[in-house]
Structures are given as C-alpha cells and as structure tokens.
Amino acid sequence: MELVVLLDHDGQSVGEQDKRTVHDGDTPLHLAFSCYVFSNSGQFLMSRRSLRKKTWPGIWTNSFCGHPGPGEPMTDAVHRRAFAELGLTLSDLRLVLPRFRYRAELDGVVENEMCPVYVARAAGDPVPNPDEVDRVEWVDWDSFRDRTRTDRTLSPWCRLQVDELAGLGPVPGRWPTGDAAELPPAARAAVAGRG
C-alpha cells in the first residue's frame, strides 16, 4: 500500500491515507512534487499519462509527478518516481519552486496538492512504465512553454507551473535553486528527521 501525507493549510502533516483512496471528488490537501527533466542538450522531456491512471489519464504534462511517502525526503521520492515511471536515473536534481500549490478537477476527480517543483537532467533515455506513462517526447523548451499558454489539453498543474517557472528566466539551466526552508513543513520535517 502506498501512503500519501495529508496536510493542513500551513503544510503540516496531519496524517496519512492510501493513495488509491485519496483522489476523489473531495480530495484532502496532500504533499506531492513535480519534476521537469532535461537532456544534456537542453531538450525537455514531456510525458503523456497512462490511460490506466485514475487522475488525468491520457493527458500530456511535465516529465513526471509523485507523492513522497511518510517520512521520505522529497529528493529521495523524486529519484524513486523517476525510476519507477520512466526508468530514469537523474543528475543535477534541484528544487526550483518550493511553494507551488494548486487545486484542479477533471471528471469528478480533484487534485489538491502542495507540490514543490524540481528540475533535473536525465542520465540516459527514458523507458516508460506503461502503468504510469503511455508516451514521452523530447521537445524544445521554448516551444513547450509557448504551448502551455494556449493548449488547454495539457495538465492544469503543468500550465500553472510553467507560468511560474517563466518568472525564473528563459533558460532552465539558469533557474535559481529554490530555498528549501520554503518547502511545506511536512517536507522539511522528513529531511530533518533523516539527520
């Protein structure tokens, strides 16, 4: 059973819930993350969510997303999901948007997340897990960024994140590293508990 971390409105942990039951019409606020993966040449890896997914099946989005388990440091969770969804080993993983939060609904299923955003480089080519990702495509970042402004078929969190990422500058490799002190307290607690 995969557990997600439930949050209060300040980002403190208030419990855990089975991931299979957390997403419905009244999804509680919980901890998640998104990651934007780039190749050594600067291409961005976009992915299409598997048709088997409960939330946003078949929708194009950022490289991958996920949920840290209770007590799991965020960076460990990002690396774990990169391998589980895309068969990727990441390098140069960095936090860029520590305070991203959103709520969205599709077909009666709600996403309600505090969702810090990370950027990384791929060490190799993706091998998508068909239960998670049904297609991937390497694209030019500028074209993808422009697409998020008009293409409503992309995931809502991706469109919102790219809008915020644009404020960090036009070149992903030059985005400043976010301040880990601005992560939700539940995410910071996992790192502190590790030491």
Protein backbone atom coordinates (compact mmCIF):
# COMPACT_ATOMS: atom_id res chain seq x y z
CA MET A 1 0.00 0.00 0.00
CA GLU A 2 1.36 3.44 -0.98
CA LEU A 3 0.58 6.17 1.56
CA VAL A 4 0.41 9.90 0.91
CA VAL A 5 0.98 12.63 3.51
CA LEU A 6 -2.12 14.66 4.36
CA LEU A 7 -1.58 18.35 5.16
CA ASP A 8 -3.26 21.21 6.94
CA HIS A 9 -3.39 24.60 5.21
CA ASP A 10 0.02 25.52 6.66
CA GLY A 11 1.68 22.41 5.18
CA GLN A 12 2.00 20.50 8.44
CA SER A 13 1.39 16.76 8.34
CA VAL A 14 -2.00 15.77 9.77
CA GLY A 15 -1.99 12.10 8.86
CA GLU A 16 -1.66 9.57 6.05
CA GLN A 17 -4.03 7.99 3.55
CA ASP A 18 -3.84 5.19 1.00
CA LYS A 19 -3.02 6.74 -2.39
CA ARG A 20 -5.69 4.54 -4.02
CA THR A 21 -8.41 6.25 -1.97
CA VAL A 22 -7.14 9.82 -1.60
CA HIS A 23 -8.18 11.16 -5.03
CA ASP A 24 -11.93 11.61 -5.37
CA GLY A 25 -14.45 14.44 -5.53
CA ASP A 26 -13.31 15.82 -2.16
CA THR A 27 -9.57 15.13 -2.17
CA PRO A 28 -7.85 16.32 1.01
CA LEU A 29 -4.82 18.58 0.75
CA HIS A 30 -1.70 16.42 0.50
CA LEU A 31 2.01 16.52 -0.30
CA ALA A 32 3.28 15.88 -3.82
CA PHE A 33 6.01 17.03 -6.23
CA SER A 34 6.56 17.66 -9.94
CA CYS A 35 9.79 17.27 -11.87
CA TYR A 36 10.96 18.77 -15.18
CA VAL A 37 13.66 16.66 -16.82
CA PHE A 38 16.07 17.97 -19.45
CA SER A 39 18.63 16.26 -21.67
CA ASN A 40 22.28 17.29 -21.79
CA SER A 41 21.45 19.22 -24.98
CA GLY A 42 18.66 21.16 -23.27
CA GLN A 43 15.62 19.29 -24.64
CA PHE A 44 12.67 18.93 -22.25
CA LEU A 45 11.01 15.55 -21.61
CA MET A 46 7.23 15.80 -21.68
CA SER A 47 5.09 12.78 -20.91
CA ARG A 48 1.57 11.55 -21.51
CA ARG A 49 -0.09 9.96 -18.50
CA SER A 50 -1.17 6.36 -18.89
CA LEU A 51 -4.80 5.72 -19.77
CA ARG A 52 -4.81 3.45 -16.69
CA LYS A 53 -4.27 6.41 -14.33
CA LYS A 54 -7.17 7.44 -12.08
CA THR A 55 -6.28 11.13 -12.35
CA TRP A 56 -5.91 12.87 -15.70
CA PRO A 57 -5.50 9.71 -17.84
CA GLY A 58 -4.05 10.32 -21.30
CA ILE A 59 -3.12 13.95 -20.56
CA TRP A 60 0.22 15.43 -21.61
CA THR A 61 2.16 17.01 -18.77
CA ASN A 62 5.61 17.65 -17.30
CA SER A 63 8.12 14.81 -17.11
CA PHE A 64 6.65 13.13 -14.01
CA CYS A 65 4.95 13.73 -10.68
CA GLY A 66 4.56 11.80 -7.48
CA HIS A 67 4.00 11.73 -3.74
CA PRO A 68 6.63 11.28 -1.04
CA GLY A 69 5.79 8.62 1.49
CA PRO A 70 5.52 9.43 5.20
CA GLY A 71 8.98 10.41 6.45
CA GLU A 72 10.54 10.11 2.97
CA PRO A 73 12.76 13.04 1.96
CA MET A 74 11.44 14.79 -1.15
CA THR A 75 14.59 14.27 -3.20
CA ASP A 76 14.52 10.54 -2.42
CA ALA A 77 10.90 10.43 -3.61
CA VAL A 78 11.77 12.29 -6.82
CA HIS A 79 14.56 9.83 -7.64
CA ARG A 80 12.31 6.87 -6.76
CA ARG A 81 9.48 8.03 -9.05
CA ALA A 82 11.84 8.94 -11.91
CA PHE A 83 12.98 5.34 -11.99
CA ALA A 84 9.53 3.83 -11.38
CA GLU A 85 7.73 5.88 -14.05
CA LEU A 86 10.44 6.43 -16.66
CA GLY A 87 13.33 4.10 -15.84
CA LEU A 88 15.49 7.21 -15.44
CA THR A 89 18.42 7.96 -13.21
CA LEU A 90 18.59 11.70 -12.57
CA SER A 91 21.53 14.02 -12.11
CA ASP A 92 21.69 17.66 -11.01
CA LEU A 93 18.35 17.47 -9.21
CA ARG A 94 17.39 20.91 -7.86
CA LEU A 95 14.39 22.47 -6.17
CA VAL A 96 13.07 25.47 -8.12
CA LEU A 97 9.53 26.22 -6.86
CA PRO A 98 9.29 25.25 -3.17
CA ARG A 99 5.84 26.76 -2.52
CA PHE A 100 3.77 25.70 -5.54
CA ARG A 101 0.21 24.76 -4.60
CA TYR A 102 -2.86 24.07 -6.72
CA ARG A 103 -6.32 22.53 -6.86
CA ALA A 104 -7.85 21.18 -10.08
CA GLU A 105 -10.76 18.96 -11.09
CA LEU A 106 -11.48 16.67 -14.05
CA ASP A 107 -14.44 14.31 -14.42
CA GLY A 108 -15.27 14.50 -10.73
CA VAL A 109 -11.72 13.74 -9.53
CA VAL A 110 -9.90 16.50 -7.66
CA GLU A 111 -6.18 17.13 -7.25
CA ASN A 112 -5.42 19.23 -4.16
CA GLU A 113 -1.71 19.44 -3.51
CA MET A 114 1.21 21.33 -2.08
CA CYS A 115 3.54 20.35 -4.89
CA PRO A 116 7.15 21.63 -4.85
CA VAL A 117 8.73 21.66 -8.32
CA TYR A 118 12.13 20.22 -9.18
CA VAL A 119 14.35 20.27 -12.26
CA ALA A 120 16.90 17.60 -13.22
CA ARG A 121 18.95 16.16 -16.05
CA ALA A 122 18.39 12.68 -17.44
CA ALA A 123 21.24 10.23 -17.37
CA GLY A 124 20.10 8.15 -20.36
CA ASP A 125 16.91 7.65 -22.32
CA PRO A 126 13.52 7.04 -20.71
CA VAL A 127 11.90 3.61 -20.64
CA PRO A 128 8.30 4.42 -19.66
CA ASN A 129 6.35 2.16 -17.31
CA PRO A 130 3.05 1.65 -19.21
CA ASP A 131 1.06 1.72 -15.98
CA GLU A 132 2.28 5.28 -15.41
CA VAL A 133 3.28 6.83 -18.75
CA ASP A 134 1.98 5.95 -22.16
CA ARG A 135 4.24 8.18 -24.30
CA VAL A 136 7.18 10.54 -23.95
CA GLU A 137 8.62 13.15 -26.25
CA TRP A 138 11.76 15.31 -26.14
CA VAL A 139 10.82 18.86 -27.13
CA ASP A 140 12.31 22.34 -27.30
CA TRP A 141 11.61 24.17 -24.02
CA ASP A 142 10.61 27.46 -25.65
CA SER A 143 8.04 25.68 -27.84
CA PHE A 144 6.67 23.76 -24.88
CA ARG A 145 6.46 26.92 -22.76
CA ASP A 146 4.54 28.67 -25.55
CA ARG A 147 2.23 25.66 -25.90
CA THR A 148 1.25 25.83 -22.23
CA ARG A 149 -0.19 29.33 -22.80
CA THR A 150 -2.80 28.13 -25.29
CA ASP A 151 -3.15 24.34 -25.07
CA ARG A 152 -5.84 23.52 -22.52
CA THR A 153 -5.31 19.78 -23.08
CA LEU A 154 -2.10 19.91 -21.01
CA SER A 155 -2.44 19.18 -17.29
CA PRO A 156 -3.58 22.19 -15.27
CA TRP A 157 -0.70 21.90 -12.80
CA CYS A 158 1.83 21.87 -15.63
CA ARG A 159 0.37 25.03 -17.20
CA LEU A 160 0.43 26.81 -13.82
CA GLN A 161 3.95 25.61 -13.01
CA VAL A 162 5.36 26.68 -16.37
CA ASP A 163 3.85 30.12 -15.85
CA GLU A 164 5.71 30.39 -12.53
CA LEU A 165 8.89 28.90 -14.00
CA ALA A 166 8.85 31.61 -16.69
CA GLY A 167 9.34 34.10 -13.87
CA LEU A 168 12.68 32.44 -13.07
CA GLY A 169 14.07 33.27 -16.51
CA PRO A 170 14.02 31.90 -20.06
CA VAL A 171 16.87 29.36 -19.68
CA PRO A 172 16.06 26.36 -17.44
CA GLY A 173 19.74 25.68 -16.74
CA ARG A 174 19.98 29.14 -15.18
CA TRP A 175 16.93 28.95 -12.95
CA PRO A 176 17.93 29.75 -9.38
CA THR A 177 17.76 26.99 -6.82
CA GLY A 178 14.77 27.43 -4.52
CA ASP A 179 15.13 27.83 -0.78
CA ALA A 180 14.43 24.50 0.95
CA ALA A 181 13.31 26.48 4.01
CA GLU A 182 10.24 27.46 1.95
CA LEU A 183 9.11 23.86 1.45
CA PRO A 184 5.93 22.81 3.26
CA PRO A 185 6.84 21.95 6.88
CA ALA A 186 5.93 18.29 6.29
CA ALA A 187 8.57 18.11 3.53
CA ARG A 188 11.18 19.85 5.68
CA ALA A 189 10.46 17.51 8.60
CA ALA A 190 11.37 14.45 6.53
CA VAL A 191 14.80 15.95 5.75
CA ALA A 192 15.36 16.99 9.37
CA GLY A 193 14.38 13.52 10.58
CA ARG A 194 16.98 11.95 8.33
CA GLY A 195 19.98 13.52 10.07
